[in-house]
Amino acid sequence: MAMGQLIMPESIAFSLSFEHFLSRLFGKPRYHATTGIRYTTAEWRQELLRIARSIRRAITINVRATDRSHRTELLERCRSVERALEDSTSINDLNLVMIQHLSEISFLLMGASPNHWDAIHPPGPNGWKLSALRNVVYSQTPEQRVQLVLDFALRHDSKLYNQMLDYLASIGTNPNRIDVFLKWVGQKHDALYKALF
């Protein structure tokens, strides 16, 4: 290194899409206009810890219909990544820890972590079947189905969204009327209903 040359500390900058991602997770006021700002290793660690802790909280709140060992393993993986992030000393190490964590949690949420340690060749389609211990089954209450319909309409057709809100208002807020709304959607907006359900 030439004399007088400055060594820049390691840093990372947010892309616009990452800024938007963090804004959706934690609120726009905290992250608005952060694209391009350089973050030190310590600052990046704190952002990744914030994401990892949020994933742990979301699992605690949302993953309910599973066996105790699955839930315990998911939460332990989350705690172990928090420890690994705390111990990481470079941006590269932090990134690798987070990539590994997100991959492991994703596989676990689908049923189990794959283990192809002794595979001679890359695994074929059956090597990615992760249902030996459990299957992923999503369920929806009627209220959630209504919310899905409204969310879809809001994102794709504001006129339809307003029409749906008017219909909901006309039938009342009685929970027993939710099925009436879903039946109405199925009859009046058959293509939408079939696309969603």
C-alpha atoms as a PDB file:
ATOM      1  CA  MET A   1       0.000   0.000   0.000  1.00  0.00           C
ATOM      2  CA  ALA A   2       1.340   3.410  -0.930  1.00  0.00           C
ATOM      3  CA  MET A   3       2.226   5.863   1.802  1.00  0.00           C
ATOM      4  CA  GLY A   4      -0.578   8.268   2.614  1.00  0.00           C
ATOM      5  CA  GLN A   5      -3.269   6.009   1.127  1.00  0.00           C
ATOM      6  CA  LEU A   6      -6.317   5.801   3.362  1.00  0.00           C
ATOM      7  CA  ILE A   7      -7.821   2.473   4.289  1.00  0.00           C
ATOM      8  CA  MET A   8     -11.575   2.784   4.046  1.00  0.00           C
ATOM      9  CA  PRO A   9     -13.497   0.895   6.689  1.00  0.00           C
ATOM     10  CA  GLU A  10     -15.661  -1.932   5.409  1.00  0.00           C
ATOM     11  CA  SER A  11     -19.176  -0.762   4.596  1.00  0.00           C
ATOM     12  CA  ILE A  12     -22.306  -1.665   2.675  1.00  0.00           C
ATOM     13  CA  ALA A  13     -24.961   0.489   1.012  1.00  0.00           C
ATOM     14  CA  PHE A  14     -28.689  -0.214   0.709  1.00  0.00           C
ATOM     15  CA  SER A  15     -30.233  -0.586  -2.709  1.00  0.00           C
ATOM     16  CA  LEU A  16     -33.627   1.000  -3.343  1.00  0.00           C
ATOM     17  CA  SER A  17     -35.334  -2.396  -3.228  1.00  0.00           C
ATOM     18  CA  PHE A  18     -33.702  -3.166   0.148  1.00  0.00           C
ATOM     19  CA  GLU A  19     -34.786   0.246   1.450  1.00  0.00           C
ATOM     20  CA  HIS A  20     -38.359  -0.589   0.392  1.00  0.00           C
ATOM     21  CA  PHE A  21     -38.101  -4.028   2.010  1.00  0.00           C
ATOM     22  CA  LEU A  22     -36.986  -2.541   5.338  1.00  0.00           C
ATOM     23  CA  SER A  23     -39.671   0.148   5.081  1.00  0.00           C
ATOM     24  CA  ARG A  24     -42.327  -2.547   4.707  1.00  0.00           C
ATOM     25  CA  LEU A  25     -40.921  -4.391   7.732  1.00  0.00           C
ATOM     26  CA  PHE A  26     -40.252  -1.519  10.109  1.00  0.00           C
ATOM     27  CA  GLY A  27     -41.887   1.608   8.704  1.00  0.00           C
ATOM     28  CA  LYS A  28     -41.056   4.148   6.054  1.00  0.00           C
ATOM     29  CA  PRO A  29     -40.041   6.966   8.452  1.00  0.00           C
ATOM     30  CA  ARG A  30     -37.058   4.950   9.694  1.00  0.00           C
ATOM     31  CA  TYR A  31     -35.712   3.999   6.257  1.00  0.00           C
ATOM     32  CA  HIS A  32     -36.877   6.657   3.812  1.00  0.00           C
ATOM     33  CA  ALA A  33     -33.967   7.988   1.727  1.00  0.00           C
ATOM     34  CA  THR A  34     -31.425   5.457   3.029  1.00  0.00           C
ATOM     35  CA  THR A  35     -30.488   4.189  -0.442  1.00  0.00           C
ATOM     36  CA  GLY A  36     -26.756   4.641  -1.011  1.00  0.00           C
ATOM     37  CA  ILE A  37     -25.905   5.515   2.594  1.00  0.00           C
ATOM     38  CA  ARG A  38     -22.868   3.516   3.713  1.00  0.00           C
ATOM     39  CA  TYR A  39     -23.327   1.288   6.768  1.00  0.00           C
ATOM     40  CA  THR A  40     -20.409   0.054   8.857  1.00  0.00           C
ATOM     41  CA  THR A  41     -20.097  -3.571   9.897  1.00  0.00           C
ATOM     42  CA  ALA A  42     -21.593  -2.744  13.317  1.00  0.00           C
ATOM     43  CA  GLU A  43     -24.524  -0.864  11.767  1.00  0.00           C
ATOM     44  CA  TRP A  44     -25.160  -3.666   9.246  1.00  0.00           C
ATOM     45  CA  ARG A  45     -25.068  -6.202  12.094  1.00  0.00           C
ATOM     46  CA  GLN A  46     -27.796  -4.246  13.900  1.00  0.00           C
ATOM     47  CA  GLU A  47     -29.997  -4.183  10.787  1.00  0.00           C
ATOM     48  CA  LEU A  48     -29.591  -7.926  10.268  1.00  0.00           C
ATOM     49  CA  LEU A  49     -30.278  -8.592  13.944  1.00  0.00           C
ATOM     50  CA  ARG A  50     -33.447  -6.509  13.665  1.00  0.00           C
ATOM     51  CA  ILE A  51     -34.566  -8.682  10.707  1.00  0.00           C
ATOM     52  CA  ALA A  52     -33.600 -11.955  12.437  1.00  0.00           C
ATOM     53  CA  ARG A  53     -35.473 -11.000  15.615  1.00  0.00           C
ATOM     54  CA  SER A  54     -38.514 -10.072  13.556  1.00  0.00           C
ATOM     55  CA  ILE A  55     -38.452 -13.476  11.870  1.00  0.00           C
ATOM     56  CA  ARG A  56     -38.300 -15.131  15.300  1.00  0.00           C
ATOM     57  CA  ARG A  57     -41.249 -13.035  16.513  1.00  0.00           C
ATOM     58  CA  ALA A  58     -43.240 -13.837  13.371  1.00  0.00           C
ATOM     59  CA  ILE A  59     -42.595 -17.560  13.828  1.00  0.00           C
ATOM     60  CA  THR A  60     -43.626 -17.346  17.487  1.00  0.00           C
ATOM     61  CA  ILE A  61     -46.890 -15.625  16.543  1.00  0.00           C
ATOM     62  CA  ASN A  62     -47.785 -17.360  13.280  1.00  0.00           C
ATOM     63  CA  VAL A  63     -46.485 -20.950  13.336  1.00  0.00           C
ATOM     64  CA  ARG A  64     -49.046 -22.655  15.519  1.00  0.00           C
ATOM     65  CA  ALA A  65     -50.289 -25.905  14.003  1.00  0.00           C
ATOM     66  CA  THR A  66     -47.086 -27.930  14.238  1.00  0.00           C
ATOM     67  CA  ASP A  67     -45.422 -30.381  16.592  1.00  0.00           C
ATOM     68  CA  ARG A  68     -43.432 -29.100  19.554  1.00  0.00           C
ATOM     69  CA  SER A  69     -40.082 -30.327  18.183  1.00  0.00           C
ATOM     70  CA  HIS A  70     -40.604 -28.407  14.927  1.00  0.00           C
ATOM     71  CA  ARG A  71     -41.477 -25.183  16.710  1.00  0.00           C
ATOM     72  CA  THR A  72     -38.530 -25.644  19.097  1.00  0.00           C
ATOM     73  CA  GLU A  73     -36.125 -26.235  16.204  1.00  0.00           C
ATOM     74  CA  LEU A  74     -37.378 -23.161  14.321  1.00  0.00           C
ATOM     75  CA  LEU A  75     -36.968 -20.919  17.353  1.00  0.00           C
ATOM     76  CA  GLU A  76     -33.571 -22.400  18.243  1.00  0.00           C
ATOM     77  CA  ARG A  77     -32.330 -21.743  14.685  1.00  0.00           C
ATOM     78  CA  CYS A  78     -33.463 -18.135  15.101  1.00  0.00           C
ATOM     79  CA  ARG A  79     -31.631 -17.762  18.411  1.00  0.00           C
ATOM     80  CA  SER A  80     -28.496 -19.372  16.965  1.00  0.00           C
ATOM     81  CA  VAL A  81     -28.407 -16.931  14.040  1.00  0.00           C
ATOM     82  CA  GLU A  82     -28.668 -14.024  16.469  1.00  0.00           C
ATOM     83  CA  ARG A  83     -25.627 -15.400  18.315  1.00  0.00           C
ATOM     84  CA  ALA A  84     -23.769 -15.966  15.026  1.00  0.00           C
ATOM     85  CA  LEU A  85     -24.527 -12.413  13.875  1.00  0.00           C
ATOM     86  CA  GLU A  86     -23.240 -11.049  17.189  1.00  0.00           C
ATOM     87  CA  ASP A  87     -19.988 -13.006  16.693  1.00  0.00           C
ATOM     88  CA  SER A  88     -19.426 -12.069  13.031  1.00  0.00           C
ATOM     89  CA  THR A  89     -16.653  -9.558  12.400  1.00  0.00           C
ATOM     90  CA  SER A  90     -17.045  -8.664   8.736  1.00  0.00           C
ATOM     91  CA  ILE A  91     -19.829  -7.745   6.356  1.00  0.00           C
ATOM     92  CA  ASN A  92     -19.099 -10.866   4.340  1.00  0.00           C
ATOM     93  CA  ASP A  93     -19.462 -13.065   7.448  1.00  0.00           C
ATOM     94  CA  LEU A  94     -22.704 -11.283   8.389  1.00  0.00           C
ATOM     95  CA  ASN A  95     -24.114 -11.817   4.898  1.00  0.00           C
ATOM     96  CA  LEU A  96     -23.179 -15.506   4.866  1.00  0.00           C
ATOM     97  CA  VAL A  97     -24.733 -16.064   8.303  1.00  0.00           C
ATOM     98  CA  MET A  98     -27.969 -14.396   7.200  1.00  0.00           C
ATOM     99  CA  ILE A  99     -28.146 -16.254   3.873  1.00  0.00           C
ATOM    100  CA  GLN A 100     -27.638 -19.551   5.673  1.00  0.00           C
ATOM    101  CA  HIS A 101     -30.241 -18.635   8.305  1.00  0.00           C
ATOM    102  CA  LEU A 102     -32.896 -17.599   5.820  1.00  0.00           C
ATOM    103  CA  SER A 103     -32.308 -20.757   3.776  1.00  0.00           C
ATOM    104  CA  GLU A 104     -32.468 -23.056   6.806  1.00  0.00           C
ATOM    105  CA  ILE A 105     -35.611 -21.394   8.158  1.00  0.00           C
ATOM    106  CA  SER A 106     -37.246 -21.549   4.720  1.00  0.00           C
ATOM    107  CA  PHE A 107     -36.582 -25.272   4.435  1.00  0.00           C
ATOM    108  CA  LEU A 108     -37.708 -25.914   8.014  1.00  0.00           C
ATOM    109  CA  LEU A 109     -40.938 -24.021   7.383  1.00  0.00           C
ATOM    110  CA  MET A 110     -41.556 -26.399   4.455  1.00  0.00           C
ATOM    111  CA  GLY A 111     -41.116 -29.409   6.734  1.00  0.00           C
ATOM    112  CA  ALA A 112     -37.450 -30.243   7.336  1.00  0.00           C
ATOM    113  CA  SER A 113     -33.913 -29.304   6.374  1.00  0.00           C
ATOM    114  CA  PRO A 114     -32.560 -31.339   3.472  1.00  0.00           C
ATOM    115  CA  ASN A 115     -29.446 -33.381   4.151  1.00  0.00           C
ATOM    116  CA  HIS A 116     -27.584 -34.464   1.032  1.00  0.00           C
ATOM    117  CA  TRP A 117     -24.185 -34.655   2.738  1.00  0.00           C
ATOM    118  CA  ASP A 118     -23.285 -38.031   1.299  1.00  0.00           C
ATOM    119  CA  ALA A 119     -24.912 -37.511  -2.123  1.00  0.00           C
ATOM    120  CA  ILE A 120     -22.646 -38.429  -5.019  1.00  0.00           C
ATOM    121  CA  HIS A 121     -24.747 -36.458  -7.511  1.00  0.00           C
ATOM    122  CA  PRO A 122     -26.918 -33.390  -7.060  1.00  0.00           C
ATOM    123  CA  PRO A 123     -30.311 -34.418  -5.676  1.00  0.00           C
ATOM    124  CA  GLY A 124     -33.146 -35.022  -8.093  1.00  0.00           C
ATOM    125  CA  PRO A 125     -36.741 -33.875  -7.563  1.00  0.00           C
ATOM    126  CA  ASN A 126     -37.375 -36.427  -4.798  1.00  0.00           C
ATOM    127  CA  GLY A 127     -34.369 -35.071  -2.911  1.00  0.00           C
ATOM    128  CA  TRP A 128     -36.328 -31.893  -2.279  1.00  0.00           C
ATOM    129  CA  LYS A 129     -39.376 -33.625  -0.846  1.00  0.00           C
ATOM    130  CA  LEU A 130     -39.236 -32.390   2.736  1.00  0.00           C
ATOM    131  CA  SER A 131     -42.403 -34.037   4.048  1.00  0.00           C
ATOM    132  CA  ALA A 132     -40.925 -37.039   5.879  1.00  0.00           C
ATOM    133  CA  LEU A 133     -41.718 -35.449   9.260  1.00  0.00           C
ATOM    134  CA  ARG A 134     -44.584 -33.056   8.477  1.00  0.00           C
ATOM    135  CA  ASN A 135     -46.470 -31.340   5.647  1.00  0.00           C
ATOM    136  CA  VAL A 136     -47.133 -27.679   5.153  1.00  0.00           C
ATOM    137  CA  VAL A 137     -50.867 -27.006   5.217  1.00  0.00           C
ATOM    138  CA  TYR A 138     -52.203 -23.472   5.063  1.00  0.00           C
ATOM    139  CA  SER A 139     -55.670 -22.892   6.400  1.00  0.00           C
ATOM    140  CA  GLN A 140     -57.926 -19.865   6.105  1.00  0.00           C
ATOM    141  CA  THR A 141     -60.835 -18.756   8.184  1.00  0.00           C
ATOM    142  CA  PRO A 142     -63.774 -17.255   6.293  1.00  0.00           C
ATOM    143  CA  GLU A 143     -62.639 -13.837   7.555  1.00  0.00           C
ATOM    144  CA  GLN A 144     -59.182 -14.393   6.054  1.00  0.00           C
ATOM    145  CA  ARG A 145     -60.751 -15.429   2.750  1.00  0.00           C
ATOM    146  CA  VAL A 146     -62.725 -12.177   2.687  1.00  0.00           C
ATOM    147  CA  GLN A 147     -59.550 -10.231   3.442  1.00  0.00           C
ATOM    148  CA  LEU A 148     -57.734 -12.027   0.615  1.00  0.00           C
ATOM    149  CA  VAL A 149     -60.506 -11.117  -1.838  1.00  0.00           C
ATOM    150  CA  LEU A 150     -60.502  -7.483  -0.699  1.00  0.00           C
ATOM    151  CA  ASP A 151     -56.701  -7.266  -0.813  1.00  0.00           C
ATOM    152  CA  PHE A 152     -56.657  -8.633  -4.351  1.00  0.00           C
ATOM    153  CA  ALA A 153     -59.382  -6.222  -5.466  1.00  0.00           C
ATOM    154  CA  LEU A 154     -57.632  -3.259  -3.831  1.00  0.00           C
ATOM    155  CA  ARG A 155     -54.361  -4.049  -5.632  1.00  0.00           C
ATOM    156  CA  HIS A 156     -55.936  -4.712  -9.045  1.00  0.00           C
ATOM    157  CA  ASP A 157     -59.248  -2.879  -9.419  1.00  0.00           C
ATOM    158  CA  SER A 158     -60.261  -0.024  -7.128  1.00  0.00           C
ATOM    159  CA  LYS A 159     -63.766   0.098  -8.642  1.00  0.00           C
ATOM    160  CA  LEU A 160     -64.295  -3.584  -7.817  1.00  0.00           C
ATOM    161  CA  TYR A 161     -62.847  -3.021  -4.343  1.00  0.00           C
ATOM    162  CA  ASN A 162     -65.356  -0.237  -3.655  1.00  0.00           C
ATOM    163  CA  GLN A 163     -68.171  -2.391  -5.038  1.00  0.00           C
ATOM    164  CA  MET A 164     -67.177  -5.169  -2.650  1.00  0.00           C
ATOM    165  CA  LEU A 165     -67.040  -2.809   0.303  1.00  0.00           C
ATOM    166  CA  ASP A 166     -70.522  -1.544  -0.580  1.00  0.00           C
ATOM    167  CA  TYR A 167     -71.840  -5.097  -0.747  1.00  0.00           C
ATOM    168  CA  LEU A 168     -70.254  -5.958   2.606  1.00  0.00           C
ATOM    169  CA  ALA A 169     -71.829  -2.854   4.140  1.00  0.00           C
ATOM    170  CA  SER A 170     -75.244  -3.823   2.716  1.00  0.00           C
ATOM    171  CA  ILE A 171     -75.202  -7.292   4.279  1.00  0.00           C
ATOM    172  CA  GLY A 172     -73.919  -6.117   7.665  1.00  0.00           C
ATOM    173  CA  THR A 173     -70.976  -7.041   9.839  1.00  0.00           C
ATOM    174  CA  ASN A 174     -72.483 -10.162  11.360  1.00  0.00           C
ATOM    175  CA  PRO A 175     -69.810 -12.900  11.093  1.00  0.00           C
ATOM    176  CA  ASN A 176     -72.487 -15.298   9.849  1.00  0.00           C
ATOM    177  CA  ARG A 177     -72.870 -13.096   6.745  1.00  0.00           C
ATOM    178  CA  ILE A 178     -69.286 -13.649   5.603  1.00  0.00           C
ATOM    179  CA  ASP A 179     -70.307 -16.804   3.751  1.00  0.00           C
ATOM    180  CA  VAL A 180     -72.970 -14.757   1.945  1.00  0.00           C
ATOM    181  CA  PHE A 181     -70.256 -12.368   0.730  1.00  0.00           C
ATOM    182  CA  LEU A 182     -67.983 -15.195  -0.444  1.00  0.00           C
ATOM    183  CA  LYS A 183     -70.896 -16.846  -2.261  1.00  0.00           C
ATOM    184  CA  TRP A 184     -71.703 -13.501  -3.910  1.00  0.00           C
ATOM    185  CA  VAL A 185     -68.069 -13.144  -5.048  1.00  0.00           C
ATOM    186  CA  GLY A 186     -68.187 -16.670  -6.459  1.00  0.00           C
ATOM    187  CA  GLN A 187     -71.367 -15.901  -8.406  1.00  0.00           C
ATOM    188  CA  LYS A 188     -70.660 -12.345  -9.579  1.00  0.00           C
ATOM    189  CA  HIS A 189     -66.897 -12.585 -10.004  1.00  0.00           C
ATOM    190  CA  ASP A 190     -66.353 -16.223 -10.881  1.00  0.00           C
ATOM    191  CA  ALA A 191     -62.948 -15.770 -12.558  1.00  0.00           C
ATOM    192  CA  LEU A 192     -61.591 -13.864  -9.547  1.00  0.00           C
ATOM    193  CA  TYR A 193     -62.947 -16.456  -7.128  1.00  0.00           C
ATOM    194  CA  LYS A 194     -61.437 -19.323  -9.111  1.00  0.00           C
ATOM    195  CA  ALA A 195     -58.111 -17.525  -9.382  1.00  0.00           C
ATOM    196  CA  LEU A 196     -57.932 -17.079  -5.601  1.00  0.00           C
ATOM    197  CA  PHE A 197     -59.474 -20.316  -4.379  1.00  0.00           C
END
